[in-house]
Amino acid sequence: MSKFIEDGNFTLLVRGILCVIGVSLIFIGLKYDQTLMVSCIGLVIGAVGGISSRAAMLKIKPFDNTYKKAKKSYEKKDDQ
């Protein structure tokens, strides 16, 4: 099984699958569901896929943990 996150972002396959599943759920929900709940879930799934695709295009790493290093650099040292 391949990794889902690569270089701080979803892999291309995962982003594509999220977008396709999201759009499919939107259309299925609009056609068969009276409460539009399935469409809303599809919209969220599709949005996650789309936003992660934009982040990959802009070289933004939303799943990277480099913020921990920055957080430690702002901590006060006891001897100062």
N, C-alpha and C. Protein backbone atom coordinates (compact mmCIF):
# COMPACT_ATOMS: atom_id res chain seq x y z
N MET A 1 0.84 -1.18 0.00
CA MET A 1 0.00 0.00 0.00
C MET A 1 0.88 1.24 0.00
N SER A 2 0.58 2.18 -0.87
CA SER A 2 1.41 3.37 -0.99
C SER A 2 1.07 4.38 0.11
N LYS A 3 1.91 5.36 0.24
CA LYS A 3 1.69 6.41 1.23
C LYS A 3 0.59 7.34 0.74
N PHE A 4 -0.17 7.89 1.66
CA PHE A 4 -1.21 8.85 1.31
C PHE A 4 -0.68 10.28 1.31
N ILE A 5 0.31 10.54 2.15
CA ILE A 5 0.88 11.87 2.24
C ILE A 5 2.33 11.80 1.80
N GLU A 6 2.69 12.68 0.87
CA GLU A 6 4.04 12.71 0.35
C GLU A 6 4.49 14.17 0.27
N ASP A 7 5.62 14.47 0.85
CA ASP A 7 6.19 15.81 0.84
C ASP A 7 5.24 16.84 1.46
N GLY A 8 4.52 16.46 2.51
CA GLY A 8 3.67 17.38 3.24
C GLY A 8 2.29 17.62 2.63
N ASN A 9 1.91 16.83 1.61
CA ASN A 9 0.62 17.01 0.97
C ASN A 9 0.12 15.64 0.51
N PHE A 10 -1.18 15.56 0.16
CA PHE A 10 -1.71 14.31 -0.37
C PHE A 10 -1.04 13.99 -1.70
N THR A 11 -0.94 12.71 -2.01
CA THR A 11 -0.39 12.31 -3.29
C THR A 11 -1.38 12.64 -4.41
N LEU A 12 -0.90 12.60 -5.63
CA LEU A 12 -1.74 12.93 -6.78
C LEU A 12 -2.93 11.98 -6.88
N LEU A 13 -2.72 10.71 -6.63
CA LEU A 13 -3.80 9.73 -6.70
C LEU A 13 -4.88 10.01 -5.66
N VAL A 14 -4.49 10.33 -4.45
CA VAL A 14 -5.45 10.61 -3.38
C VAL A 14 -6.24 11.87 -3.69
N ARG A 15 -5.57 12.91 -4.19
CA ARG A 15 -6.28 14.14 -4.56
C ARG A 15 -7.29 13.88 -5.66
N GLY A 16 -6.92 13.10 -6.65
CA GLY A 16 -7.84 12.79 -7.73
C GLY A 16 -9.03 11.98 -7.26
N ILE A 17 -8.78 11.01 -6.42
CA ILE A 17 -9.87 10.17 -5.90
C ILE A 17 -10.82 10.99 -5.05
N LEU A 18 -10.30 11.89 -4.21
CA LEU A 18 -11.15 12.74 -3.39
C LEU A 18 -12.04 13.63 -4.26
N CYS A 19 -11.49 14.19 -5.31
CA CYS A 19 -12.29 15.05 -6.19
C CYS A 19 -13.38 14.26 -6.91
N VAL A 20 -13.03 13.09 -7.42
CA VAL A 20 -14.00 12.27 -8.16
C VAL A 20 -15.11 11.77 -7.24
N ILE A 21 -14.74 11.30 -6.05
CA ILE A 21 -15.75 10.83 -5.10
C ILE A 21 -16.65 11.98 -4.66
N GLY A 22 -16.07 13.14 -4.42
CA GLY A 22 -16.86 14.29 -4.01
C GLY A 22 -17.88 14.71 -5.05
N VAL A 23 -17.44 14.81 -6.30
CA VAL A 23 -18.36 15.20 -7.38
C VAL A 23 -19.43 14.13 -7.58
N SER A 24 -19.04 12.87 -7.49
CA SER A 24 -20.02 11.78 -7.64
C SER A 24 -21.08 11.84 -6.54
N LEU A 25 -20.65 12.07 -5.31
CA LEU A 25 -21.61 12.15 -4.21
C LEU A 25 -22.54 13.35 -4.36
N ILE A 26 -22.02 14.44 -4.90
CA ILE A 26 -22.89 15.60 -5.12
C ILE A 26 -24.00 15.25 -6.09
N PHE A 27 -23.65 14.64 -7.22
CA PHE A 27 -24.67 14.30 -8.21
C PHE A 27 -25.63 13.22 -7.72
N ILE A 28 -25.10 12.23 -7.01
CA ILE A 28 -25.97 11.18 -6.46
C ILE A 28 -26.92 11.78 -5.42
N GLY A 29 -26.41 12.66 -4.58
CA GLY A 29 -27.26 13.29 -3.57
C GLY A 29 -28.33 14.17 -4.17
N LEU A 30 -28.00 14.88 -5.24
CA LEU A 30 -29.00 15.73 -5.87
C LEU A 30 -30.09 14.92 -6.56
N LYS A 31 -29.72 13.76 -7.07
CA LYS A 31 -30.70 12.96 -7.80
C LYS A 31 -31.57 12.11 -6.88
N TYR A 32 -30.99 11.51 -5.83
CA TYR A 32 -31.72 10.51 -5.04
C TYR A 32 -32.04 10.92 -3.61
N ASP A 33 -31.35 11.91 -3.06
CA ASP A 33 -31.53 12.24 -1.65
C ASP A 33 -32.41 13.49 -1.52
N GLN A 34 -33.43 13.40 -0.70
CA GLN A 34 -34.34 14.52 -0.50
C GLN A 34 -33.80 15.54 0.50
N THR A 35 -32.92 15.12 1.41
CA THR A 35 -32.44 16.02 2.45
C THR A 35 -31.16 16.76 2.07
N LEU A 36 -30.56 16.43 0.96
CA LEU A 36 -29.32 17.03 0.47
C LEU A 36 -28.11 16.77 1.38
N MET A 37 -28.23 15.82 2.29
CA MET A 37 -27.13 15.52 3.19
C MET A 37 -25.96 14.88 2.44
N VAL A 38 -26.26 13.99 1.52
CA VAL A 38 -25.21 13.32 0.75
C VAL A 38 -24.48 14.35 -0.13
N SER A 39 -25.21 15.30 -0.67
CA SER A 39 -24.59 16.34 -1.49
C SER A 39 -23.65 17.21 -0.65
N CYS A 40 -24.04 17.51 0.56
CA CYS A 40 -23.18 18.31 1.43
C CYS A 40 -21.90 17.56 1.79
N ILE A 41 -22.01 16.28 2.05
CA ILE A 41 -20.83 15.47 2.34
C ILE A 41 -19.92 15.40 1.11
N GLY A 42 -20.53 15.24 -0.06
CA GLY A 42 -19.76 15.24 -1.30
C GLY A 42 -19.06 16.56 -1.55
N LEU A 43 -19.72 17.65 -1.21
CA LEU A 43 -19.12 18.97 -1.38
C LEU A 43 -17.88 19.12 -0.49
N VAL A 44 -17.97 18.63 0.73
CA VAL A 44 -16.83 18.72 1.64
C VAL A 44 -15.67 17.85 1.15
N ILE A 45 -15.97 16.64 0.71
CA ILE A 45 -14.92 15.74 0.23
C ILE A 45 -14.26 16.31 -1.03
N GLY A 46 -15.08 16.82 -1.94
CA GLY A 46 -14.54 17.43 -3.15
C GLY A 46 -13.71 18.67 -2.85
N ALA A 47 -14.14 19.44 -1.86
CA ALA A 47 -13.40 20.65 -1.48
C ALA A 47 -12.03 20.29 -0.90
N VAL A 48 -11.97 19.25 -0.10
CA VAL A 48 -10.68 18.82 0.46
C VAL A 48 -9.74 18.41 -0.67
N GLY A 49 -10.25 17.68 -1.65
CA GLY A 49 -9.42 17.29 -2.79
C GLY A 49 -8.98 18.49 -3.61
N GLY A 50 -9.88 19.43 -3.84
CA GLY A 50 -9.54 20.61 -4.62
C GLY A 50 -8.56 21.54 -3.92
N ILE A 51 -8.76 21.74 -2.64
CA ILE A 51 -7.87 22.62 -1.88
C ILE A 51 -6.48 22.00 -1.75
N SER A 52 -6.43 20.69 -1.57
CA SER A 52 -5.11 20.05 -1.49
C SER A 52 -4.41 20.06 -2.85
N SER A 53 -5.17 20.05 -3.94
CA SER A 53 -4.55 20.18 -5.26
C SER A 53 -3.97 21.57 -5.46
N ARG A 54 -4.68 22.58 -5.01
CA ARG A 54 -4.14 23.95 -5.09
C ARG A 54 -2.90 24.10 -4.22
N ALA A 55 -2.93 23.50 -3.05
CA ALA A 55 -1.78 23.58 -2.16
C ALA A 55 -0.57 22.91 -2.78
N ALA A 56 -0.78 21.80 -3.46
CA ALA A 56 0.34 21.10 -4.11
C ALA A 56 0.88 21.93 -5.26
N MET A 57 -0.02 22.60 -5.98
CA MET A 57 0.40 23.43 -7.11
C MET A 57 1.24 24.62 -6.62
N LEU A 58 0.90 25.17 -5.46
CA LEU A 58 1.62 26.32 -4.91
C LEU A 58 2.77 25.92 -3.99
N LYS A 59 3.02 24.62 -3.88
CA LYS A 59 4.10 24.07 -3.04
C LYS A 59 3.90 24.39 -1.57
N ILE A 60 2.62 24.43 -1.13
CA ILE A 60 2.29 24.61 0.28
C ILE A 60 2.16 23.23 0.90
N LYS A 61 2.67 23.07 2.10
CA LYS A 61 2.66 21.77 2.76
C LYS A 61 1.73 21.82 3.98
N PRO A 62 0.44 21.55 3.81
CA PRO A 62 -0.48 21.65 4.95
C PRO A 62 -0.31 20.54 5.98
N PHE A 63 0.29 19.43 5.62
CA PHE A 63 0.44 18.32 6.55
C PHE A 63 1.88 18.16 7.02
N ASP A 64 2.63 19.22 6.96
CA ASP A 64 4.01 19.20 7.40
C ASP A 64 4.07 19.61 8.86
N ASN A 65 5.05 19.13 9.59
CA ASN A 65 5.12 19.45 11.02
C ASN A 65 6.31 20.35 11.34
N THR A 66 6.67 21.24 10.43
CA THR A 66 7.77 22.16 10.71
C THR A 66 7.36 23.27 11.66
N TYR A 67 6.08 23.44 11.91
CA TYR A 67 5.63 24.46 12.86
C TYR A 67 6.14 24.17 14.26
N LYS A 68 6.43 22.91 14.57
CA LYS A 68 6.93 22.57 15.90
C LYS A 68 8.29 23.22 16.16
N LYS A 69 9.13 23.28 15.13
CA LYS A 69 10.44 23.93 15.28
C LYS A 69 10.26 25.42 15.52
N ALA A 70 9.35 26.04 14.79
CA ALA A 70 9.11 27.48 14.98
C ALA A 70 8.51 27.74 16.35
N LYS A 71 7.64 26.88 16.82
CA LYS A 71 7.02 27.06 18.13
C LYS A 71 8.08 26.98 19.23
N LYS A 72 9.03 26.06 19.09
CA LYS A 72 10.08 25.94 20.09
C LYS A 72 11.01 27.15 20.08
N SER A 73 11.20 27.77 18.94
CA SER A 73 12.09 28.92 18.87
C SER A 73 11.53 30.13 19.59
N TYR A 74 10.22 30.18 19.83
CA TYR A 74 9.60 31.31 20.52
C TYR A 74 9.49 31.08 22.03
N GLU A 75 9.83 29.90 22.49
CA GLU A 75 9.74 29.63 23.92
C GLU A 75 10.80 30.44 24.67
N LYS A 76 10.43 30.86 25.86
CA LYS A 76 11.36 31.61 26.70
C LYS A 76 12.31 30.64 27.40
N LYS A 77 13.56 31.04 27.46
CA LYS A 77 14.52 30.23 28.18
C LYS A 77 14.59 30.74 29.62
N ASP A 78 14.78 29.81 30.54
CA ASP A 78 14.76 30.17 31.96
C ASP A 78 15.94 31.04 32.37
N ASP A 79 17.08 30.91 31.74
CA ASP A 79 18.27 31.64 32.14
C ASP A 79 18.29 33.07 31.61
N GLN A 80 17.37 33.46 30.76
CA GLN A 80 17.38 34.83 30.23
C GLN A 80 16.36 35.70 30.90
